[in-house]
């Protein structure tokens, strides 16, 4: 079994990279920056609701961390394309 702290640490490093990519996109300004901020806020609210729902219905902290890592990986791919 994988240590939950290991997965949480990986999430922290992966999220840091996505934050860097997002801040670069926002720093360039314009319509894309506004869209990115809007998408970021929408995603954060959705992810929080998803995590809460998961925990309420018997999910484990590890399952929540793994799901967050999936979201972060998708954002890294999307932001890395541009």
Protein backbone atom coordinates (compact mmCIF):
# COMPACT_ATOMS: atom_id res chain seq x y z
CA UNK A 1 0.00 0.00 0.00
CA UNK A 2 1.25 3.44 -0.89
CA UNK A 3 1.89 5.85 1.96
CA UNK A 4 -0.75 8.65 1.93
CA UNK A 5 1.92 11.19 2.86
CA UNK A 6 3.88 10.24 -0.25
CA UNK A 7 0.84 10.86 -2.46
CA UNK A 8 0.08 14.12 -0.66
CA UNK A 9 3.67 15.25 -1.24
CA UNK A 10 3.43 14.39 -4.93
CA UNK A 11 0.18 16.36 -5.12
CA UNK A 12 1.91 19.38 -3.58
CA UNK A 13 4.74 19.30 -6.12
CA UNK A 14 2.39 18.72 -9.07
CA UNK A 15 0.04 21.49 -7.93
CA UNK A 16 2.99 23.85 -7.60
CA UNK A 17 3.84 23.32 -11.26
CA UNK A 18 0.24 23.97 -12.32
CA UNK A 19 0.19 27.16 -10.24
CA UNK A 20 3.36 28.29 -12.01
CA UNK A 21 1.83 27.62 -15.43
CA UNK A 22 -1.40 29.39 -14.48
CA UNK A 23 0.38 32.44 -13.11
CA UNK A 24 2.39 32.73 -16.32
CA UNK A 25 -0.82 32.62 -18.36
CA UNK A 26 -2.52 35.17 -16.11
CA UNK A 27 0.53 37.45 -16.16
CA UNK A 28 0.25 37.81 -19.94
CA UNK A 29 -3.21 39.31 -19.41
CA UNK A 30 -5.99 39.65 -21.92
CA UNK A 31 -9.03 37.50 -22.51
CA UNK A 32 -7.15 34.27 -21.94
CA UNK A 33 -6.12 35.44 -18.47
CA UNK A 34 -9.72 36.27 -17.56
CA UNK A 35 -10.88 32.90 -18.87
CA UNK A 36 -8.16 31.10 -16.91
CA UNK A 37 -9.11 32.82 -13.64
CA UNK A 38 -12.78 31.98 -14.21
CA UNK A 39 -11.95 28.36 -15.03
CA UNK A 40 -9.64 28.11 -12.02
CA UNK A 41 -12.33 29.30 -9.61
CA UNK A 42 -14.96 27.04 -11.15
CA UNK A 43 -12.63 24.03 -10.95
CA UNK A 44 -11.70 24.73 -7.33
CA UNK A 45 -15.33 24.93 -6.23
CA UNK A 46 -16.18 21.78 -8.19
CA UNK A 47 -13.23 19.87 -6.76
CA UNK A 48 -14.13 20.89 -3.20
CA UNK A 49 -17.73 19.75 -3.68
CA UNK A 50 -16.51 16.49 -5.21
CA UNK A 51 -14.11 15.86 -2.30
CA UNK A 52 -16.78 16.61 0.28
CA UNK A 53 -19.26 14.32 -1.45
CA UNK A 54 -16.70 11.56 -1.65
CA UNK A 55 -15.92 11.79 2.06
CA UNK A 56 -19.60 11.95 3.02
CA UNK A 57 -20.31 8.74 1.13
CA UNK A 58 -17.44 6.71 2.55
CA UNK A 59 -14.47 7.78 0.46
CA UNK A 60 -11.03 7.70 2.00
CA UNK A 61 -8.61 10.60 2.23
CA UNK A 62 -6.36 8.65 -0.14
CA UNK A 63 -9.12 8.47 -2.76
CA UNK A 64 -9.63 12.23 -2.48
CA UNK A 65 -5.91 12.88 -2.92
CA UNK A 66 -5.76 10.59 -5.95
CA UNK A 67 -8.76 12.36 -7.53
CA UNK A 68 -7.17 15.77 -6.92
CA UNK A 69 -4.00 14.47 -8.58
CA UNK A 70 -6.09 13.52 -11.64
CA UNK A 71 -7.48 17.07 -11.82
CA UNK A 72 -4.00 18.55 -11.42
CA UNK A 73 -2.57 16.27 -14.13
CA UNK A 74 -5.35 17.29 -16.54
CA UNK A 75 -4.60 20.97 -15.89
CA UNK A 76 -0.88 20.41 -16.37
CA UNK A 77 -1.53 18.83 -19.76
CA UNK A 78 -3.93 21.59 -20.80
CA UNK A 79 -1.66 24.42 -19.68
CA UNK A 80 1.48 22.82 -21.06
CA UNK A 81 0.01 22.76 -24.59
CA UNK A 82 -0.16 26.54 -24.92
